[in-house]
Full PDB file with SEQRES, HELIX, SHEET, SSBOND, CRYST1, ORIGX, SCALE, CONECT and MASTER records, all heavy atoms in Angstrom:
SEQRES   1 A   31  MET GLU GLU LEU VAL HIS ALA LEU GLY CYS LEU PRO VAL          
SEQRES   2 A   31  GLN ASP MET GLU THR GLU ARG PRO SER LEU GLU ASP VAL          
SEQRES   3 A   31  PHE LEU SER TYR TYR                                          
HELIX    1 AA1 GLU A    2  LEU A    8  1                                   7    
HELIX    2 AA2 LEU A   23  TYR A   30  1                                   8    
CRYST1    1.000    1.000    1.000  90.00  90.00  90.00 P 1           1          
ORIGX1      1.000000  0.000000  0.000000        0.00000                         
ORIGX2      0.000000  1.000000  0.000000        0.00000                         
ORIGX3      0.000000  0.000000  1.000000        0.00000                         
SCALE1      1.000000  0.000000  0.000000        0.00000                         
SCALE2      0.000000  1.000000  0.000000        0.00000                         
SCALE3      0.000000  0.000000  1.000000        0.00000                         
ATOM      1  N   MET A   1     -53.074 -76.508 -33.408  1.00  0.00           N  
ATOM      2  CA  MET A   1     -51.683 -76.448 -32.941  1.00  0.00           C  
ATOM      3  C   MET A   1     -51.438 -77.377 -31.754  1.00  0.00           C  
ATOM      4  O   MET A   1     -50.367 -77.344 -31.155  1.00  0.00           O  
ATOM      5  CB  MET A   1     -51.337 -75.004 -32.548  1.00  0.00           C  
ATOM      6  CG  MET A   1     -51.363 -74.032 -33.704  1.00  0.00           C  
ATOM      7  SD  MET A   1     -50.955 -72.339 -33.206  1.00  0.00           S  
ATOM      8  CE  MET A   1     -49.285 -72.514 -32.611  1.00  0.00           C  
ATOM      9  N   GLU A   2     -52.416 -78.224 -31.402  1.00  0.00           N  
ATOM     10  CA  GLU A   2     -52.303 -79.027 -30.179  1.00  0.00           C  
ATOM     11  C   GLU A   2     -51.080 -79.942 -30.210  1.00  0.00           C  
ATOM     12  O   GLU A   2     -50.321 -80.017 -29.230  1.00  0.00           O  
ATOM     13  CB  GLU A   2     -53.571 -79.856 -29.978  1.00  0.00           C  
ATOM     14  CG  GLU A   2     -53.553 -80.658 -28.686  1.00  0.00           C  
ATOM     15  CD  GLU A   2     -54.859 -81.412 -28.457  1.00  0.00           C  
ATOM     16  OE1 GLU A   2     -55.811 -81.205 -29.252  1.00  0.00           O  
ATOM     17  OE2 GLU A   2     -54.926 -82.184 -27.491  1.00  0.00           O  
ATOM     18  N   GLU A   3     -50.855 -80.654 -31.315  1.00  0.00           N  
ATOM     19  CA  GLU A   3     -49.729 -81.574 -31.389  1.00  0.00           C  
ATOM     20  C   GLU A   3     -48.402 -80.828 -31.309  1.00  0.00           C  
ATOM     21  O   GLU A   3     -47.446 -81.301 -30.681  1.00  0.00           O  
ATOM     22  CB  GLU A   3     -49.795 -82.408 -32.668  1.00  0.00           C  
ATOM     23  CG  GLU A   3     -50.874 -83.476 -32.661  1.00  0.00           C  
ATOM     24  CD  GLU A   3     -50.700 -84.464 -33.797  1.00  0.00           C  
ATOM     25  OE1 GLU A   3     -49.560 -84.954 -33.999  1.00  0.00           O  
ATOM     26  OE2 GLU A   3     -51.688 -84.739 -34.498  1.00  0.00           O  
ATOM     27  N   LEU A   4     -48.326 -79.662 -31.940  1.00  0.00           N  
ATOM     28  CA  LEU A   4     -47.102 -78.876 -31.887  1.00  0.00           C  
ATOM     29  C   LEU A   4     -46.830 -78.407 -30.471  1.00  0.00           C  
ATOM     30  O   LEU A   4     -45.684 -78.486 -29.981  1.00  0.00           O  
ATOM     31  CB  LEU A   4     -47.208 -77.685 -32.841  1.00  0.00           C  
ATOM     32  CG  LEU A   4     -46.034 -76.696 -32.794  1.00  0.00           C  
ATOM     33  CD1 LEU A   4     -44.729 -77.382 -33.171  1.00  0.00           C  
ATOM     34  CD2 LEU A   4     -46.300 -75.507 -33.703  1.00  0.00           C  
ATOM     35  N   VAL A   5     -47.852 -77.902 -29.797  1.00  0.00           N  
ATOM     36  CA  VAL A   5     -47.675 -77.438 -28.417  1.00  0.00           C  
ATOM     37  C   VAL A   5     -47.201 -78.584 -27.521  1.00  0.00           C  
ATOM     38  O   VAL A   5     -46.325 -78.416 -26.665  1.00  0.00           O  
ATOM     39  CB  VAL A   5     -48.986 -76.829 -27.888  1.00  0.00           C  
ATOM     40  CG1 VAL A   5     -48.866 -76.527 -26.385  1.00  0.00           C  
ATOM     41  CG2 VAL A   5     -49.332 -75.553 -28.655  1.00  0.00           C  
ATOM     42  N   HIS A   6     -47.749 -79.772 -27.718  1.00  0.00           N  
ATOM     43  CA  HIS A   6     -47.350 -80.944 -26.935  1.00  0.00           C  
ATOM     44  C   HIS A   6     -45.878 -81.276 -27.191  1.00  0.00           C  
ATOM     45  O   HIS A   6     -45.121 -81.573 -26.249  1.00  0.00           O  
ATOM     46  CB  HIS A   6     -48.229 -82.150 -27.286  1.00  0.00           C  
ATOM     47  CG  HIS A   6     -47.876 -83.390 -26.530  1.00  0.00           C  
ATOM     48  ND1 HIS A   6     -48.171 -83.554 -25.188  1.00  0.00           N  
ATOM     49  CD2 HIS A   6     -47.223 -84.521 -26.933  1.00  0.00           C  
ATOM     50  CE1 HIS A   6     -47.727 -84.744 -24.787  1.00  0.00           C  
ATOM     51  NE2 HIS A   6     -47.153 -85.344 -25.821  1.00  0.00           N  
ATOM     52  N   ALA A   7     -45.455 -81.205 -28.467  1.00  0.00           N  
ATOM     53  CA  ALA A   7     -44.059 -81.506 -28.805  1.00  0.00           C  
ATOM     54  C   ALA A   7     -43.115 -80.478 -28.216  1.00  0.00           C  
ATOM     55  O   ALA A   7     -42.029 -80.811 -27.714  1.00  0.00           O  
ATOM     56  CB  ALA A   7     -43.900 -81.576 -30.316  1.00  0.00           C  
ATOM     57  N   LEU A   8     -43.506 -79.212 -28.243  1.00  0.00           N  
ATOM     58  CA  LEU A   8     -42.657 -78.156 -27.685  1.00  0.00           C  
ATOM     59  C   LEU A   8     -42.535 -78.281 -26.173  1.00  0.00           C  
ATOM     60  O   LEU A   8     -41.533 -77.866 -25.581  1.00  0.00           O  
ATOM     61  CB  LEU A   8     -43.220 -76.782 -28.057  1.00  0.00           C  
ATOM     62  CG  LEU A   8     -43.113 -76.374 -29.528  1.00  0.00           C  
ATOM     63  CD1 LEU A   8     -43.855 -75.067 -29.777  1.00  0.00           C  
ATOM     64  CD2 LEU A   8     -41.656 -76.244 -29.957  1.00  0.00           C  
ATOM     65  N   GLY A   9     -43.553 -78.869 -25.537  1.00  0.00           N  
ATOM     66  CA  GLY A   9     -43.508 -79.057 -24.090  1.00  0.00           C  
ATOM     67  C   GLY A   9     -42.410 -79.982 -23.633  1.00  0.00           C  
ATOM     68  O   GLY A   9     -42.022 -79.961 -22.465  1.00  0.00           O  
ATOM     69  N   CYS A  10     -41.879 -80.773 -24.554  1.00  0.00           N  
ATOM     70  CA  CYS A  10     -40.796 -81.700 -24.233  1.00  0.00           C  
ATOM     71  C   CYS A  10     -39.421 -81.109 -24.548  1.00  0.00           C  
ATOM     72  O   CYS A  10     -38.397 -81.799 -24.391  1.00  0.00           O  
ATOM     73  CB  CYS A  10     -40.982 -83.005 -25.012  1.00  0.00           C  
ATOM     74  SG  CYS A  10     -42.552 -83.840 -24.689  1.00  0.00           S  
ATOM     75  N   LEU A  11     -39.394 -79.858 -25.015  1.00  0.00           N  
ATOM     76  CA  LEU A  11     -38.146 -79.209 -25.395  1.00  0.00           C  
ATOM     77  C   LEU A  11     -37.870 -78.013 -24.478  1.00  0.00           C  
ATOM     78  O   LEU A  11     -38.790 -77.441 -23.890  1.00  0.00           O  
ATOM     79  CB  LEU A  11     -38.225 -78.733 -26.855  1.00  0.00           C  
ATOM     80  CG  LEU A  11     -38.425 -79.820 -27.917  1.00  0.00           C  
ATOM     81  CD1 LEU A  11     -38.610 -79.194 -29.292  1.00  0.00           C  
ATOM     82  CD2 LEU A  11     -37.251 -80.789 -27.930  1.00  0.00           C  
ATOM     83  N   PRO A  12     -36.586 -77.623 -24.340  1.00  0.00           N  
ATOM     84  CA  PRO A  12     -36.235 -76.488 -23.458  1.00  0.00           C  
ATOM     85  C   PRO A  12     -36.552 -75.146 -24.103  1.00  0.00           C  
ATOM     86  O   PRO A  12     -35.665 -74.409 -24.551  1.00  0.00           O  
ATOM     87  CB  PRO A  12     -34.733 -76.682 -23.257  1.00  0.00           C  
ATOM     88  CG  PRO A  12     -34.267 -77.322 -24.521  1.00  0.00           C  
ATOM     89  CD  PRO A  12     -35.379 -78.255 -24.931  1.00  0.00           C  
ATOM     90  N   VAL A  13     -37.825 -74.792 -24.145  1.00  0.00           N  
ATOM     91  CA  VAL A  13     -38.258 -73.537 -24.776  1.00  0.00           C  
ATOM     92  C   VAL A  13     -37.937 -72.354 -23.882  1.00  0.00           C  
ATOM     93  O   VAL A  13     -38.275 -72.348 -22.692  1.00  0.00           O  
ATOM     94  CB  VAL A  13     -39.767 -73.585 -25.081  1.00  0.00           C  
ATOM     95  CG1 VAL A  13     -40.237 -72.231 -25.620  1.00  0.00           C  
ATOM     96  CG2 VAL A  13     -40.076 -74.695 -26.068  1.00  0.00           C  
ATOM     97  N   GLN A  14     -37.283 -71.352 -24.468  1.00  0.00           N  
ATOM     98  CA  GLN A  14     -37.000 -70.117 -23.716  1.00  0.00           C  
ATOM     99  C   GLN A  14     -38.141 -69.128 -23.863  1.00  0.00           C  
ATOM    100  O   GLN A  14     -38.631 -68.580 -22.890  1.00  0.00           O  
ATOM    101  CB  GLN A  14     -35.694 -69.488 -24.209  1.00  0.00           C  
ATOM    102  CG  GLN A  14     -35.343 -68.172 -23.511  1.00  0.00           C  
ATOM    103  CD  GLN A  14     -33.982 -67.661 -23.937  1.00  0.00           C  
ATOM    104  OE1 GLN A  14     -33.054 -68.453 -24.143  1.00  0.00           O  
ATOM    105  NE2 GLN A  14     -33.846 -66.357 -24.075  1.00  0.00           N  
ATOM    106  N   ASP A  15     -38.595 -68.903 -25.088  1.00  0.00           N  
ATOM    107  CA  ASP A  15     -39.761 -68.055 -25.351  1.00  0.00           C  
ATOM    108  C   ASP A  15     -40.261 -68.333 -26.760  1.00  0.00           C  
ATOM    109  O   ASP A  15     -39.577 -68.962 -27.569  1.00  0.00           O  
ATOM    110  CB  ASP A  15     -39.445 -66.561 -25.164  1.00  0.00           C  
ATOM    111  CG  ASP A  15     -38.363 -66.070 -26.107  1.00  0.00           C  
ATOM    112  OD1 ASP A  15     -38.555 -66.155 -27.331  1.00  0.00           O  
ATOM    113  OD2 ASP A  15     -37.314 -65.597 -25.635  1.00  0.00           O  
ATOM    114  N   MET A  16     -41.480 -67.862 -27.032  1.00  0.00           N  
ATOM    115  CA  MET A  16     -42.023 -68.016 -28.376  1.00  0.00           C  
ATOM    116  C   MET A  16     -43.004 -66.897 -28.666  1.00  0.00           C  
ATOM    117  O   MET A  16     -43.594 -66.311 -27.757  1.00  0.00           O  
ATOM    118  CB  MET A  16     -42.683 -69.380 -28.560  1.00  0.00           C  
ATOM    119  CG  MET A  16     -43.821 -69.686 -27.633  1.00  0.00           C  
ATOM    120  SD  MET A  16     -44.447 -71.371 -27.934  1.00  0.00           S  
ATOM    121  CE  MET A  16     -45.734 -71.470 -26.698  1.00  0.00           C  
ATOM    122  N   GLU A  17     -43.164 -66.604 -29.964  1.00  0.00           N  
ATOM    123  CA  GLU A  17     -44.060 -65.548 -30.438  1.00  0.00           C  
ATOM    124  C   GLU A  17     -44.936 -66.115 -31.538  1.00  0.00           C  
ATOM    125  O   GLU A  17     -44.461 -66.862 -32.391  1.00  0.00           O  
ATOM    126  CB  GLU A  17     -43.272 -64.348 -30.982  1.00  0.00           C  
ATOM    127  CG  GLU A  17     -42.365 -63.670 -29.984  1.00  0.00           C  
ATOM    128  CD  GLU A  17     -41.534 -62.576 -30.615  1.00  0.00           C  
ATOM    129  OE1 GLU A  17     -41.707 -62.349 -31.840  1.00  0.00           O  
ATOM    130  OE2 GLU A  17     -40.713 -61.973 -29.915  1.00  0.00           O  
ATOM    131  N   THR A  18     -46.205 -65.754 -31.517  1.00  0.00           N  
ATOM    132  CA  THR A  18     -47.115 -66.134 -32.606  1.00  0.00           C  
ATOM    133  C   THR A  18     -47.480 -64.899 -33.401  1.00  0.00           C  
ATOM    134  O   THR A  18     -47.590 -63.802 -32.853  1.00  0.00           O  
ATOM    135  CB  THR A  18     -48.388 -66.794 -32.057  1.00  0.00           C  
ATOM    136  OG1 THR A  18     -49.036 -65.888 -31.166  1.00  0.00           O  
ATOM    137  CG2 THR A  18     -48.081 -68.080 -31.346  1.00  0.00           C  
ATOM    138  N   GLU A  19     -47.649 -65.089 -34.690  1.00  0.00           N  
ATOM    139  CA  GLU A  19     -47.982 -63.988 -35.592  1.00  0.00           C  
ATOM    140  C   GLU A  19     -49.261 -64.313 -36.336  1.00  0.00           C  
ATOM    141  O   GLU A  19     -49.366 -65.375 -36.965  1.00  0.00           O  
ATOM    142  CB  GLU A  19     -46.847 -63.767 -36.590  1.00  0.00           C  
ATOM    143  CG  GLU A  19     -47.109 -62.634 -37.572  1.00  0.00           C  
ATOM    144  CD  GLU A  19     -45.972 -62.499 -38.578  1.00  0.00           C  
ATOM    145  OE1 GLU A  19     -44.897 -63.086 -38.335  1.00  0.00           O  
ATOM    146  OE2 GLU A  19     -46.188 -61.838 -39.609  1.00  0.00           O  
ATOM    147  N   ARG A  20     -50.241 -63.419 -36.228  1.00  0.00           N  
ATOM    148  CA  ARG A  20     -51.491 -63.622 -36.952  1.00  0.00           C  
ATOM    149  C   ARG A  20     -51.264 -63.388 -38.435  1.00  0.00           C  
ATOM    150  O   ARG A  20     -50.637 -62.403 -38.819  1.00  0.00           O  
ATOM    151  CB  ARG A  20     -52.554 -62.659 -36.430  1.00  0.00           C  
ATOM    152  CG  ARG A  20     -53.912 -62.828 -37.092  1.00  0.00           C  
ATOM    153  CD  ARG A  20     -54.878 -61.767 -36.632  1.00  0.00           C  
ATOM    154  NE  ARG A  20     -56.152 -61.877 -37.313  1.00  0.00           N  
ATOM    155  CZ  ARG A  20     -57.120 -60.974 -37.233  1.00  0.00           C  
ATOM    156  NH1 ARG A  20     -56.954 -59.903 -36.504  1.00  0.00           N  
ATOM    157  NH2 ARG A  20     -58.263 -61.140 -37.876  1.00  0.00           N  
ATOM    158  N   PRO A  21     -51.780 -64.248 -39.306  1.00  0.00           N  
ATOM    159  CA  PRO A  21     -51.561 -64.075 -40.733  1.00  0.00           C  
ATOM    160  C   PRO A  21     -52.324 -62.866 -41.275  1.00  0.00           C  
ATOM    161  O   PRO A  21     -53.383 -62.503 -40.758  1.00  0.00           O  
ATOM    162  CB  PRO A  21     -52.104 -65.367 -41.337  1.00  0.00           C  
ATOM    163  CG  PRO A  21     -53.144 -65.813 -40.363  1.00  0.00           C  
ATOM    164  CD  PRO A  21     -52.629 -65.425 -39.007  1.00  0.00           C  
ATOM    165  N   SER A  22     -51.768 -62.249 -42.287  1.00  0.00           N  
ATOM    166  CA  SER A  22     -52.465 -61.169 -42.967  1.00  0.00           C  
ATOM    167  C   SER A  22     -53.323 -61.750 -44.074  1.00  0.00           C  
ATOM    168  O   SER A  22     -53.206 -62.935 -44.429  1.00  0.00           O  
ATOM    169  CB  SER A  22     -51.457 -60.180 -43.570  1.00  0.00           C  
ATOM    170  OG  SER A  22     -50.743 -60.807 -44.636  1.00  0.00           O  
ATOM    171  N   LEU A  23     -54.181 -60.914 -44.652  1.00  0.00           N  
ATOM    172  CA  LEU A  23     -54.981 -61.372 -45.792  1.00  0.00           C  
ATOM    173  C   LEU A  23     -54.076 -61.748 -46.954  1.00  0.00           C  
ATOM    174  O   LEU A  23     -54.401 -62.636 -47.747  1.00  0.00           O  
ATOM    175  CB  LEU A  23     -55.967 -60.278 -46.203  1.00  0.00           C  
ATOM    176  CG  LEU A  23     -57.015 -60.664 -47.234  1.00  0.00           C  
ATOM    177  CD1 LEU A  23     -57.865 -61.834 -46.741  1.00  0.00           C  
ATOM    178  CD2 LEU A  23     -57.905 -59.483 -47.572  1.00  0.00           C  
ATOM    179  N   GLU A  24     -52.915 -61.104 -47.053  1.00  0.00           N  
ATOM    180  CA  GLU A  24     -51.979 -61.438 -48.120  1.00  0.00           C  
ATOM    181  C   GLU A  24     -51.476 -62.873 -47.967  1.00  0.00           C  
ATOM    182  O   GLU A  24     -51.333 -63.603 -48.956  1.00  0.00           O  
ATOM    183  CB  GLU A  24     -50.793 -60.473 -48.113  1.00  0.00           C  
ATOM    184  CG  GLU A  24     -49.808 -60.726 -49.238  1.00  0.00           C  
ATOM    185  CD  GLU A  24     -48.782 -59.629 -49.388  1.00  0.00           C  
ATOM    186  OE1 GLU A  24     -48.743 -58.736 -48.520  1.00  0.00           O  
ATOM    187  OE2 GLU A  24     -48.018 -59.671 -50.357  1.00  0.00           O  
ATOM    188  N   ASP A  25     -51.221 -63.293 -46.718  1.00  0.00           N  
ATOM    189  CA  ASP A  25     -50.793 -64.678 -46.492  1.00  0.00           C  
ATOM    190  C   ASP A  25     -51.876 -65.649 -46.957  1.00  0.00           C  
ATOM    191  O   ASP A  25     -51.579 -66.689 -47.567  1.00  0.00           O  
ATOM    192  CB  ASP A  25     -50.510 -64.911 -45.005  1.00  0.00           C  
ATOM    193  CG  ASP A  25     -49.324 -64.106 -44.511  1.00  0.00           C  
ATOM    194  OD1 ASP A  25     -48.362 -63.948 -45.281  1.00  0.00           O  
ATOM    195  OD2 ASP A  25     -49.363 -63.624 -43.365  1.00  0.00           O  
ATOM    196  N   VAL A  26     -53.136 -65.335 -46.629  1.00  0.00           N  
ATOM    197  CA  VAL A  26     -54.247 -66.188 -47.041  1.00  0.00           C  
ATOM    198  C   VAL A  26     -54.334 -66.239 -48.555  1.00  0.00           C  
ATOM    199  O   VAL A  26     -54.470 -67.311 -49.161  1.00  0.00           O  
ATOM    200  CB  VAL A  26     -55.572 -65.660 -46.453  1.00  0.00           C  
ATOM    201  CG1 VAL A  26     -56.738 -66.543 -46.887  1.00  0.00           C  
ATOM    202  CG2 VAL A  26     -55.495 -65.594 -44.930  1.00  0.00           C  
ATOM    203  N   PHE A  27     -54.253 -65.068 -49.162  1.00  0.00           N  
ATOM    204  CA  PHE A  27     -54.348 -64.962 -50.623  1.00  0.00           C  
ATOM    205  C   PHE A  27     -53.275 -65.805 -51.298  1.00  0.00           C  
ATOM    206  O   PHE A  27     -53.550 -66.586 -52.209  1.00  0.00           O  
ATOM    207  CB  PHE A  27     -54.214 -63.498 -51.009  1.00  0.00           C  
ATOM    208  CG  PHE A  27     -54.188 -63.243 -52.491  1.00  0.00           C  
ATOM    209  CD1 PHE A  27     -55.349 -63.254 -53.231  1.00  0.00           C  
ATOM    210  CD2 PHE A  27     -52.992 -62.994 -53.141  1.00  0.00           C  
ATOM    211  CE1 PHE A  27     -55.329 -63.019 -54.595  1.00  0.00           C  
ATOM    212  CE2 PHE A  27     -52.967 -62.760 -54.496  1.00  0.00           C  
ATOM    213  CZ  PHE A  27     -54.129 -62.771 -55.218  1.00  0.00           C  
ATOM    214  N   LEU A  28     -52.034 -65.671 -50.827  1.00  0.00           N  
ATOM    215  CA  LEU A  28     -50.941 -66.418 -51.441  1.00  0.00           C  
ATOM    216  C   LEU A  28     -51.098 -67.920 -51.225  1.00  0.00           C  
ATOM    217  O   LEU A  28     -50.740 -68.715 -52.092  1.00  0.00           O  
ATOM    218  CB  LEU A  28     -49.606 -65.926 -50.864  1.00  0.00           C  
ATOM    219  CG  LEU A  28     -49.191 -64.519 -51.270  1.00  0.00           C  
ATOM    220  CD1 LEU A  28     -47.927 -64.105 -50.535  1.00  0.00           C  
ATOM    221  CD2 LEU A  28     -48.990 -64.411 -52.771  1.00  0.00           C  
ATOM    222  N   SER A  29     -51.677 -68.308 -50.093  1.00  0.00           N  
ATOM    223  CA  SER A  29     -51.875 -69.738 -49.851  1.00  0.00           C  
ATOM    224  C   SER A  29     -52.854 -70.324 -50.861  1.00  0.00           C  
ATOM    225  O   SER A  29     -52.714 -71.473 -51.281  1.00  0.00           O  
ATOM    226  CB  SER A  29     -52.372 -69.978 -48.430  1.00  0.00           C  
ATOM    227  OG  SER A  29     -53.725 -69.582 -48.258  1.00  0.00           O  
ATOM    228  N   TYR A  30     -53.855 -69.542 -51.286  1.00  0.00           N  
ATOM    229  CA  TYR A  30     -54.800 -70.042 -52.296  1.00  0.00           C  
ATOM    230  C   TYR A  30     -54.113 -70.188 -53.649  1.00  0.00           C  
ATOM    231  O   TYR A  30     -54.387 -71.134 -54.400  1.00  0.00           O  
ATOM    232  CB  TYR A  30     -55.986 -69.091 -52.438  1.00  0.00           C  
ATOM    233  CG  TYR A  30     -57.058 -69.349 -51.416  1.00  0.00           C  
ATOM    234  CD1 TYR A  30     -57.187 -68.526 -50.307  1.00  0.00           C  
ATOM    235  CD2 TYR A  30     -57.931 -70.418 -51.541  1.00  0.00           C  
ATOM    236  CE1 TYR A  30     -58.156 -68.769 -49.354  1.00  0.00           C  
ATOM    237  CE2 TYR A  30     -58.903 -70.669 -50.589  1.00  0.00           C  
ATOM    238  CZ  TYR A  30     -59.011 -69.840 -49.514  1.00  0.00           C  
ATOM    239  OH  TYR A  30     -59.956 -70.081 -48.562  1.00  0.00           O  
ATOM    240  N   TYR A  31     -53.207 -69.273 -53.973  1.00  0.00           N  
ATOM    241  CA  TYR A  31     -52.566 -69.324 -55.278  1.00  0.00           C  
ATOM    242  C   TYR A  31     -51.429 -70.318 -55.353  1.00  0.00           C  
ATOM    243  O   TYR A  31     -50.951 -70.675 -56.412  1.00  0.00           O  
ATOM    244  CB  TYR A  31     -52.129 -67.927 -55.707  1.00  0.00           C  
ATOM    245  CG  TYR A  31     -53.246 -67.201 -56.400  1.00  0.00           C  
ATOM    246  CD1 TYR A  31     -54.214 -66.569 -55.646  1.00  0.00           C  
ATOM    247  CD2 TYR A  31     -53.392 -67.226 -57.770  1.00  0.00           C  
ATOM    248  CE1 TYR A  31     -55.305 -65.950 -56.243  1.00  0.00           C  
ATOM    249  CE2 TYR A  31     -54.458 -66.616 -58.387  1.00  0.00           C  
ATOM    250  CZ  TYR A  31     -55.415 -65.975 -57.633  1.00  0.00           C  
ATOM    251  OH  TYR A  31     -56.485 -65.384 -58.235  1.00  0.00           O  
TER     252      TYR A  31                                                      
MASTER        0    0    0    2    0    0    0    6  251    1    0    3          
END                                                                             
């Protein structure tokens, strides 16, 4: 996520939230 974090540093960010993926997200990404 380094490049994304660098890009966001140049924008007026108020707040942000990260969400850990579930196993279902992983499973669907394979399919």
